[in-house]
PDB file of all heavy atoms in Angstrom:
ATOM      1  N   GLY A   1     100.829 105.857  85.624  1.00  0.00           N
ATOM      2  CA  GLY A   1     100.861 107.046  86.425  1.00  0.00           C
ATOM      3  C   GLY A   1     101.917 108.050  85.992  1.00  0.00           C
ATOM      4  O   GLY A   1     102.123 109.047  86.665  1.00  0.00           O
ATOM      5  N   HIS A   2     102.595 107.824  84.891  1.00  0.00           N
ATOM      6  CA  HIS A   2     103.659 108.733  84.450  1.00  0.00           C
ATOM      7  C   HIS A   2     103.064 110.036  83.940  1.00  0.00           C
ATOM      8  O   HIS A   2     102.437 110.083  82.905  1.00  0.00           O
ATOM      9  CB  HIS A   2     104.495 108.073  83.358  1.00  0.00           C
ATOM     10  CG  HIS A   2     105.611 108.932  82.824  1.00  0.00           C
ATOM     11  ND1 HIS A   2     106.520 109.554  83.635  1.00  0.00           N
ATOM     12  CD2 HIS A   2     105.958 109.278  81.565  1.00  0.00           C
ATOM     13  CE1 HIS A   2     107.386 110.242  82.901  1.00  0.00           C
ATOM     14  NE2 HIS A   2     107.058 110.087  81.640  1.00  0.00           N
ATOM     15  N   GLY A   3     103.250 111.109  84.702  1.00  0.00           N
ATOM     16  CA  GLY A   3     102.826 112.428  84.256  1.00  0.00           C
ATOM     17  C   GLY A   3     101.555 112.953  84.855  1.00  0.00           C
ATOM     18  O   GLY A   3     101.149 114.067  84.525  1.00  0.00           O
ATOM     19  N   VAL A   4     100.906 112.209  85.734  1.00  0.00           N
ATOM     20  CA  VAL A   4      99.681 112.701  86.354  1.00  0.00           C
ATOM     21  C   VAL A   4      99.988 113.988  87.099  1.00  0.00           C
ATOM     22  O   VAL A   4     100.909 114.051  87.901  1.00  0.00           O
ATOM     23  CB  VAL A   4      99.070 111.647  87.314  1.00  0.00           C
ATOM     24  CG1 VAL A   4      97.889 112.227  88.071  1.00  0.00           C
ATOM     25  CG2 VAL A   4      98.678 110.399  86.555  1.00  0.00           C
ATOM     26  N   GLY A   5      99.280 115.060  86.769  1.00  0.00           N
ATOM     27  CA  GLY A   5      99.477 116.351  87.402  1.00  0.00           C
ATOM     28  C   GLY A   5     100.574 117.199  86.780  1.00  0.00           C
ATOM     29  O   GLY A   5     100.852 118.305  87.246  1.00  0.00           O
ATOM     30  N   SER A   6     101.208 116.712  85.716  1.00  0.00           N
ATOM     31  CA  SER A   6     102.288 117.473  85.080  1.00  0.00           C
ATOM     32  C   SER A   6     101.733 118.658  84.295  1.00  0.00           C
ATOM     33  O   SER A   6     100.592 118.641  83.849  1.00  0.00           O
ATOM     34  CB  SER A   6     103.101 116.561  84.157  1.00  0.00           C
ATOM     35  OG  SER A   6     102.282 116.010  83.141  1.00  0.00           O
ATOM     36  N   GLN A   7     102.574 119.690  84.122  1.00  0.00           N
ATOM     37  CA  GLN A   7     102.170 120.867  83.351  1.00  0.00           C
ATOM     38  C   GLN A   7     102.336 120.664  81.847  1.00  0.00           C
ATOM     39  O   GLN A   7     101.669 121.310  81.059  1.00  0.00           O
ATOM     40  CB  GLN A   7     102.998 122.095  83.751  1.00  0.00           C
ATOM     41  CG  GLN A   7     102.645 122.655  85.093  1.00  0.00           C
ATOM     42  CD  GLN A   7     103.601 122.164  86.175  1.00  0.00           C
ATOM     43  OE1 GLN A   7     104.478 121.361  85.953  1.00  0.00           O
ATOM     44  NE2 GLN A   7     103.396 122.653  87.384  1.00  0.00           N
ATOM     45  N   MET A   8     103.265 119.798  81.436  1.00  0.00           N
ATOM     46  CA  MET A   8     103.522 119.587  80.014  1.00  0.00           C
ATOM     47  C   MET A   8     103.894 118.134  79.783  1.00  0.00           C
ATOM     48  O   MET A   8     104.627 117.546  80.576  1.00  0.00           O
ATOM     49  CB  MET A   8     104.651 120.498  79.545  1.00  0.00           C
ATOM     50  CG  MET A   8     105.003 120.380  78.076  1.00  0.00           C
ATOM     51  SD  MET A   8     103.666 120.770  76.929  1.00  0.00           S
ATOM     52  CE  MET A   8     103.580 122.536  77.116  1.00  0.00           C
ATOM     53  N   GLN A   9     103.388 117.587  78.686  1.00  0.00           N
ATOM     54  CA  GLN A   9     103.700 116.231  78.285  1.00  0.00           C
ATOM     55  C   GLN A   9     104.253 116.297  76.864  1.00  0.00           C
ATOM     56  O   GLN A   9     103.710 117.008  76.017  1.00  0.00           O
ATOM     57  CB  GLN A   9     102.454 115.332  78.310  1.00  0.00           C
ATOM     58  CG  GLN A   9     101.691 115.368  79.623  1.00  0.00           C
ATOM     59  CD  GLN A   9     100.787 116.583  79.771  1.00  0.00           C
ATOM     60  OE1 GLN A   9     100.169 117.031  78.819  1.00  0.00           O
ATOM     61  NE2 GLN A   9     100.708 117.119  80.974  1.00  0.00           N
ATOM     62  N   MET A  10     105.333 115.590  76.609  1.00  0.00           N
ATOM     63  CA  MET A  10     106.015 115.656  75.313  1.00  0.00           C
ATOM     64  C   MET A  10     106.505 114.276  74.908  1.00  0.00           C
ATOM     65  O   MET A  10     106.616 113.386  75.743  1.00  0.00           O
ATOM     66  CB  MET A  10     107.226 116.594  75.412  1.00  0.00           C
ATOM     67  CG  MET A  10     106.903 118.005  75.820  1.00  0.00           C
ATOM     68  SD  MET A  10     108.318 118.876  76.541  1.00  0.00           S
ATOM     69  CE  MET A  10     108.103 118.496  78.279  1.00  0.00           C
ATOM     70  N   VAL A  11     106.843 114.134  73.645  1.00  0.00           N
ATOM     71  CA  VAL A  11     107.534 112.946  73.159  1.00  0.00           C
ATOM     72  C   VAL A  11     108.742 113.388  72.337  1.00  0.00           C
ATOM     73  O   VAL A  11     108.707 114.421  71.669  1.00  0.00           O
ATOM     74  CB  VAL A  11     106.630 112.009  72.322  1.00  0.00           C
ATOM     75  CG1 VAL A  11     105.547 111.388  73.179  1.00  0.00           C
ATOM     76  CG2 VAL A  11     106.033 112.736  71.143  1.00  0.00           C
ATOM     77  N   GLY A  12     109.808 112.632  72.427  1.00  0.00           N
ATOM     78  CA  GLY A  12     111.024 112.894  71.673  1.00  0.00           C
ATOM     79  C   GLY A  12     112.037 111.818  71.978  1.00  0.00           C
ATOM     80  O   GLY A  12     111.985 111.184  73.032  1.00  0.00           O
ATOM     81  N   ASP A  13     112.940 111.606  71.064  1.00  0.00           N
ATOM     82  CA  ASP A  13     113.973 110.582  71.238  1.00  0.00           C
ATOM     83  C   ASP A  13     115.132 111.183  72.029  1.00  0.00           C
ATOM     84  O   ASP A  13     116.055 111.754  71.458  1.00  0.00           O
ATOM     85  CB  ASP A  13     114.434 110.079  69.877  1.00  0.00           C
ATOM     86  CG  ASP A  13     115.484 108.992  69.972  1.00  0.00           C
ATOM     87  OD1 ASP A  13     115.754 108.497  71.088  1.00  0.00           O
ATOM     88  OD2 ASP A  13     116.048 108.638  68.918  1.00  0.00           O
ATOM     89  N   VAL A  14     115.101 111.044  73.338  1.00  0.00           N
ATOM     90  CA  VAL A  14     116.105 111.678  74.199  1.00  0.00           C
ATOM     91  C   VAL A  14     117.391 110.867  74.342  1.00  0.00           C
ATOM     92  O   VAL A  14     118.409 111.409  74.763  1.00  0.00           O
ATOM     93  CB  VAL A  14     115.538 112.009  75.601  1.00  0.00           C
ATOM     94  CG1 VAL A  14     114.429 113.046  75.495  1.00  0.00           C
ATOM     95  CG2 VAL A  14     115.069 110.768  76.319  1.00  0.00           C
ATOM     96  N   ASN A  15     117.361 109.576  73.983  1.00  0.00           N
ATOM     97  CA  ASN A  15     118.586 108.774  74.114  1.00  0.00           C
ATOM     98  C   ASN A  15     119.183 108.360  72.772  1.00  0.00           C
ATOM     99  O   ASN A  15     120.179 107.657  72.730  1.00  0.00           O
ATOM    100  CB  ASN A  15     118.352 107.551  75.006  1.00  0.00           C
ATOM    101  CG  ASN A  15     117.332 106.587  74.447  1.00  0.00           C
ATOM    102  OD1 ASN A  15     116.611 106.895  73.501  1.00  0.00           O
ATOM    103  ND2 ASN A  15     117.257 105.412  75.039  1.00  0.00           N
ATOM    104  N   GLY A  16     118.592 108.807  71.668  1.00  0.00           N
ATOM    105  CA  GLY A  16     119.180 108.588  70.356  1.00  0.00           C
ATOM    106  C   GLY A  16     119.046 107.192  69.792  1.00  0.00           C
ATOM    107  O   GLY A  16     119.787 106.821  68.880  1.00  0.00           O
ATOM    108  N   ASP A  17     118.080 106.404  70.278  1.00  0.00           N
ATOM    109  CA  ASP A  17     117.923 105.035  69.777  1.00  0.00           C
ATOM    110  C   ASP A  17     116.888 104.917  68.658  1.00  0.00           C
ATOM    111  O   ASP A  17     116.572 103.826  68.221  1.00  0.00           O
ATOM    112  CB  ASP A  17     117.581 104.074  70.919  1.00  0.00           C
ATOM    113  CG  ASP A  17     116.222 104.339  71.544  1.00  0.00           C
ATOM    114  OD1 ASP A  17     115.532 105.312  71.144  1.00  0.00           O
ATOM    115  OD2 ASP A  17     115.841 103.581  72.462  1.00  0.00           O
ATOM    116  N   GLY A  18     116.340 106.051  68.215  1.00  0.00           N
ATOM    117  CA  GLY A  18     115.365 106.036  67.133  1.00  0.00           C
ATOM    118  C   GLY A  18     113.929 105.853  67.568  1.00  0.00           C
ATOM    119  O   GLY A  18     113.031 105.814  66.725  1.00  0.00           O
ATOM    120  N   LYS A  19     113.681 105.737  68.878  1.00  0.00           N
ATOM    121  CA  LYS A  19     112.331 105.557  69.396  1.00  0.00           C
ATOM    122  C   LYS A  19     111.932 106.782  70.237  1.00  0.00           C
ATOM    123  O   LYS A  19     112.726 107.259  71.045  1.00  0.00           O
ATOM    124  CB  LYS A  19     112.228 104.295  70.251  1.00  0.00           C
ATOM    125  CG  LYS A  19     112.507 103.015  69.482  1.00  0.00           C
ATOM    126  CD  LYS A  19     112.310 101.775  70.328  1.00  0.00           C
ATOM    127  CE  LYS A  19     113.467 101.359  71.153  1.00  0.00           C
ATOM    128  NZ  LYS A  19     114.666 100.909  70.494  1.00  0.00           N
ATOM    129  N   ALA A  20     110.718 107.261  70.035  1.00  0.00           N
ATOM    130  CA  ALA A  20     110.225 108.416  70.793  1.00  0.00           C
ATOM    131  C   ALA A  20     109.941 108.001  72.233  1.00  0.00           C
ATOM    132  O   ALA A  20     109.312 106.971  72.492  1.00  0.00           O
ATOM    133  CB  ALA A  20     108.965 108.977  70.148  1.00  0.00           C
ATOM    134  N   ASP A  21     110.419 108.800  73.162  1.00  0.00           N
ATOM    135  CA  ASP A  21     110.268 108.555  74.592  1.00  0.00           C
ATOM    136  C   ASP A  21     109.225 109.511  75.164  1.00  0.00           C
ATOM    137  O   ASP A  21     108.955 110.569  74.592  1.00  0.00           O
ATOM    138  CB  ASP A  21     111.620 108.755  75.284  1.00  0.00           C
ATOM    139  CG  ASP A  21     112.720 107.928  74.620  1.00  0.00           C
ATOM    140  OD1 ASP A  21     112.562 106.694  74.551  1.00  0.00           O
ATOM    141  OD2 ASP A  21     113.707 108.522  74.148  1.00  0.00           O
ATOM    142  N   ALA A  22     108.647 109.150  76.307  1.00  0.00           N
ATOM    143  CA  ALA A  22     107.643 109.981  76.969  1.00  0.00           C
ATOM    144  C   ALA A  22     108.333 110.871  78.001  1.00  0.00           C
ATOM    145  O   ALA A  22     109.063 110.378  78.864  1.00  0.00           O
ATOM    146  CB  ALA A  22     106.593 109.101  77.651  1.00  0.00           C
ATOM    147  N   ILE A  23     108.099 112.177  77.908  1.00  0.00           N
ATOM    148  CA  ILE A  23     108.724 113.153  78.795  1.00  0.00           C
ATOM    149  C   ILE A  23     107.624 113.993  79.430  1.00  0.00           C
ATOM    150  O   ILE A  23     106.707 114.433  78.741  1.00  0.00           O
ATOM    151  CB  ILE A  23     109.683 114.087  78.018  1.00  0.00           C
ATOM    152  CG1 ILE A  23     110.725 113.269  77.247  1.00  0.00           C
ATOM    153  CG2 ILE A  23     110.357 115.089  78.941  1.00  0.00           C
ATOM    154  CD1 ILE A  23     110.600 113.388  75.765  1.00  0.00           C
ATOM    155  N   VAL A  24     107.718 114.204  80.728  1.00  0.00           N
ATOM    156  CA  VAL A  24     106.774 115.092  81.408  1.00  0.00           C
ATOM    157  C   VAL A  24     107.538 116.126  82.227  1.00  0.00           C
ATOM    158  O   VAL A  24     108.670 115.888  82.658  1.00  0.00           O
ATOM    159  CB  VAL A  24     105.764 114.338  82.299  1.00  0.00           C
ATOM    160  CG1 VAL A  24     104.893 113.413  81.468  1.00  0.00           C
ATOM    161  CG2 VAL A  24     106.450 113.582  83.405  1.00  0.00           C
ATOM    162  N   TYR A  25     106.898 117.269  82.418  1.00  0.00           N
ATOM    163  CA  TYR A  25     107.491 118.397  83.124  1.00  0.00           C
ATOM    164  C   TYR A  25     106.619 118.749  84.323  1.00  0.00           C
ATOM    165  O   TYR A  25     105.412 118.939  84.181  1.00  0.00           O
ATOM    166  CB  TYR A  25     107.590 119.591  82.173  1.00  0.00           C
ATOM    167  CG  TYR A  25     108.007 120.863  82.844  1.00  0.00           C
ATOM    168  CD1 TYR A  25     109.347 121.143  83.054  1.00  0.00           C
ATOM    169  CD2 TYR A  25     107.064 121.784  83.277  1.00  0.00           C
ATOM    170  CE1 TYR A  25     109.742 122.318  83.680  1.00  0.00           C
ATOM    171  CE2 TYR A  25     107.448 122.960  83.905  1.00  0.00           C
ATOM    172  CZ  TYR A  25     108.783 123.216  84.101  1.00  0.00           C
ATOM    173  OH  TYR A  25     109.167 124.366  84.727  1.00  0.00           O
ATOM    174  N   PHE A  26     107.236 118.808  85.511  1.00  0.00           N
ATOM    175  CA  PHE A  26     106.585 119.211  86.756  1.00  0.00           C
ATOM    176  C   PHE A  26     107.410 120.308  87.415  1.00  0.00           C
ATOM    177  O   PHE A  26     108.444 120.005  88.013  1.00  0.00           O
ATOM    178  CB  PHE A  26     106.561 118.080  87.787  1.00  0.00           C
ATOM    179  CG  PHE A  26     105.705 116.898  87.510  1.00  0.00           C
ATOM    180  CD1 PHE A  26     106.233 115.779  86.888  1.00  0.00           C
ATOM    181  CD2 PHE A  26     104.389 116.860  87.912  1.00  0.00           C
ATOM    182  CE1 PHE A  26     105.470 114.663  86.665  1.00  0.00           C
ATOM    183  CE2 PHE A  26     103.622 115.739  87.695  1.00  0.00           C
ATOM    184  CZ  PHE A  26     104.151 114.642  87.069  1.00  0.00           C
ATOM    185  N   ASN A  27     107.023 121.558  87.333  1.00  0.00           N
ATOM    186  CA  ASN A  27     107.674 122.635  88.099  1.00  0.00           C
ATOM    187  C   ASN A  27     109.197 122.544  88.129  1.00  0.00           C
ATOM    188  O   ASN A  27     109.811 122.557  89.187  1.00  0.00           O
ATOM    189  CB  ASN A  27     107.142 122.663  89.534  1.00  0.00           C
ATOM    190  CG  ASN A  27     105.685 123.024  89.589  1.00  0.00           C
ATOM    191  OD1 ASN A  27     105.230 123.875  88.841  1.00  0.00           O
ATOM    192  ND2 ASN A  27     104.940 122.365  90.463  1.00  0.00           N
ATOM    193  N   GLY A  28     109.815 122.423  86.981  1.00  0.00           N
ATOM    194  CA  GLY A  28     111.275 122.378  86.899  1.00  0.00           C
ATOM    195  C   GLY A  28     111.880 120.994  86.902  1.00  0.00           C
ATOM    196  O   GLY A  28     113.086 120.840  86.722  1.00  0.00           O
ATOM    197  N   GLU A  29     111.079 119.969  87.109  1.00  0.00           N
ATOM    198  CA  GLU A  29     111.574 118.590  87.047  1.00  0.00           C
ATOM    199  C   GLU A  29     111.151 117.960  85.727  1.00  0.00           C
ATOM    200  O   GLU A  29     110.000 118.078  85.320  1.00  0.00           O
ATOM    201  CB  GLU A  29     111.013 117.750  88.203  1.00  0.00           C
ATOM    202  CG  GLU A  29     111.492 118.190  89.559  1.00  0.00           C
ATOM    203  CD  GLU A  29     110.952 117.306  90.682  1.00  0.00           C
ATOM    204  OE1 GLU A  29     110.155 116.381  90.411  1.00  0.00           O
ATOM    205  OE2 GLU A  29     111.332 117.560  91.834  1.00  0.00           O
ATOM    206  N   TRP A  30     112.096 117.314  85.078  1.00  0.00           N
ATOM    207  CA  TRP A  30     111.854 116.620  83.810  1.00  0.00           C
ATOM    208  C   TRP A  30     111.997 115.120  84.059  1.00  0.00           C
ATOM    209  O   TRP A  30     113.046 114.655  84.481  1.00  0.00           O
ATOM    210  CB  TRP A  30     112.863 117.078  82.760  1.00  0.00           C
ATOM    211  CG  TRP A  30     112.723 118.517  82.384  1.00  0.00           C
ATOM    212  CD1 TRP A  30     113.008 119.600  83.168  1.00  0.00           C
ATOM    213  CD2 TRP A  30     112.259 119.038  81.154  1.00  0.00           C
ATOM    214  NE1 TRP A  30     112.759 120.755  82.484  1.00  0.00           N
ATOM    215  CE2 TRP A  30     112.302 120.449  81.239  1.00  0.00           C
ATOM    216  CE3 TRP A  30     111.834 118.456  79.952  1.00  0.00           C
ATOM    217  CZ2 TRP A  30     111.922 121.275  80.186  1.00  0.00           C
ATOM    218  CZ3 TRP A  30     111.456 119.283  78.903  1.00  0.00           C
ATOM    219  CH2 TRP A  30     111.494 120.675  79.026  1.00  0.00           C
ATOM    220  N   TRP A  31     110.918 114.386  83.807  1.00  0.00           N
ATOM    221  CA  TRP A  31     110.877 112.944  84.016  1.00  0.00           C
ATOM    222  C   TRP A  31     110.734 112.257  82.667  1.00  0.00           C
ATOM    223  O   TRP A  31     109.929 112.667  81.834  1.00  0.00           O
ATOM    224  CB  TRP A  31     109.714 112.574  84.922  1.00  0.00           C
ATOM    225  CG  TRP A  31     109.885 113.065  86.334  1.00  0.00           C
ATOM    226  CD1 TRP A  31     109.650 114.321  86.796  1.00  0.00           C
ATOM    227  CD2 TRP A  31     110.352 112.314  87.442  1.00  0.00           C
ATOM    228  NE1 TRP A  31     109.933 114.397  88.137  1.00  0.00           N
ATOM    229  CE2 TRP A  31     110.372 113.179  88.564  1.00  0.00           C
ATOM    230  CE3 TRP A  31     110.765 110.990  87.611  1.00  0.00           C
ATOM    231  CZ2 TRP A  31     110.778 112.759  89.822  1.00  0.00           C
ATOM    232  CZ3 TRP A  31     111.162 110.576  88.874  1.00  0.00           C
ATOM    233  CH2 TRP A  31     111.167 111.456  89.959  1.00  0.00           C
ATOM    234  N   VAL A  32     111.510 111.204  82.455  1.00  0.00           N
ATOM    235  CA  VAL A  32     111.543 110.507  81.171  1.00  0.00           C
ATOM    236  C   VAL A  32     111.217 109.032  81.366  1.00  0.00           C
ATOM    237  O   VAL A  32     111.723 108.386  82.287  1.00  0.00           O
ATOM    238  CB  VAL A  32     112.941 110.657  80.527  1.00  0.00           C
ATOM    239  CG1 VAL A  32     113.054 109.805  79.269  1.00  0.00           C
ATOM    240  CG2 VAL A  32     113.248 112.117  80.226  1.00  0.00           C
ATOM    241  N   SER A  33     110.377 108.525  80.463  1.00  0.00           N
ATOM    242  CA  SER A  33     110.127 107.090  80.332  1.00  0.00           C
ATOM    243  C   SER A  33     110.630 106.683  78.947  1.00  0.00           C
ATOM    244  O   SER A  33     110.035 107.057  77.935  1.00  0.00           O
ATOM    245  CB  SER A  33     108.641 106.764  80.445  1.00  0.00           C
ATOM    246  OG  SER A  33     108.167 106.960  81.747  1.00  0.00           O
ATOM    247  N   LEU A  34     111.738 105.964  78.915  1.00  0.00           N
ATOM    248  CA  LEU A  34     112.313 105.546  77.636  1.00  0.00           C
ATOM    249  C   LEU A  34     111.438 104.492  76.983  1.00  0.00           C
ATOM    250  O   LEU A  34     110.891 103.612  77.653  1.00  0.00           O
ATOM    251  CB  LEU A  34     113.721 104.995  77.842  1.00  0.00           C
ATOM    252  CG  LEU A  34     114.766 105.974  78.371  1.00  0.00           C
ATOM    253  CD1 LEU A  34     116.072 105.248  78.661  1.00  0.00           C
ATOM    254  CD2 LEU A  34     114.977 107.124  77.398  1.00  0.00           C
TER     255      LEU A  34
END
């Protein structure tokens, strides 16, 4: 259910461990699944 209804879905290494993480954007909220 991560990102259902989100306006944007992205991947990127947000914690610097070398693995791409799942990021979603909802009206100013940024949610991350490492």
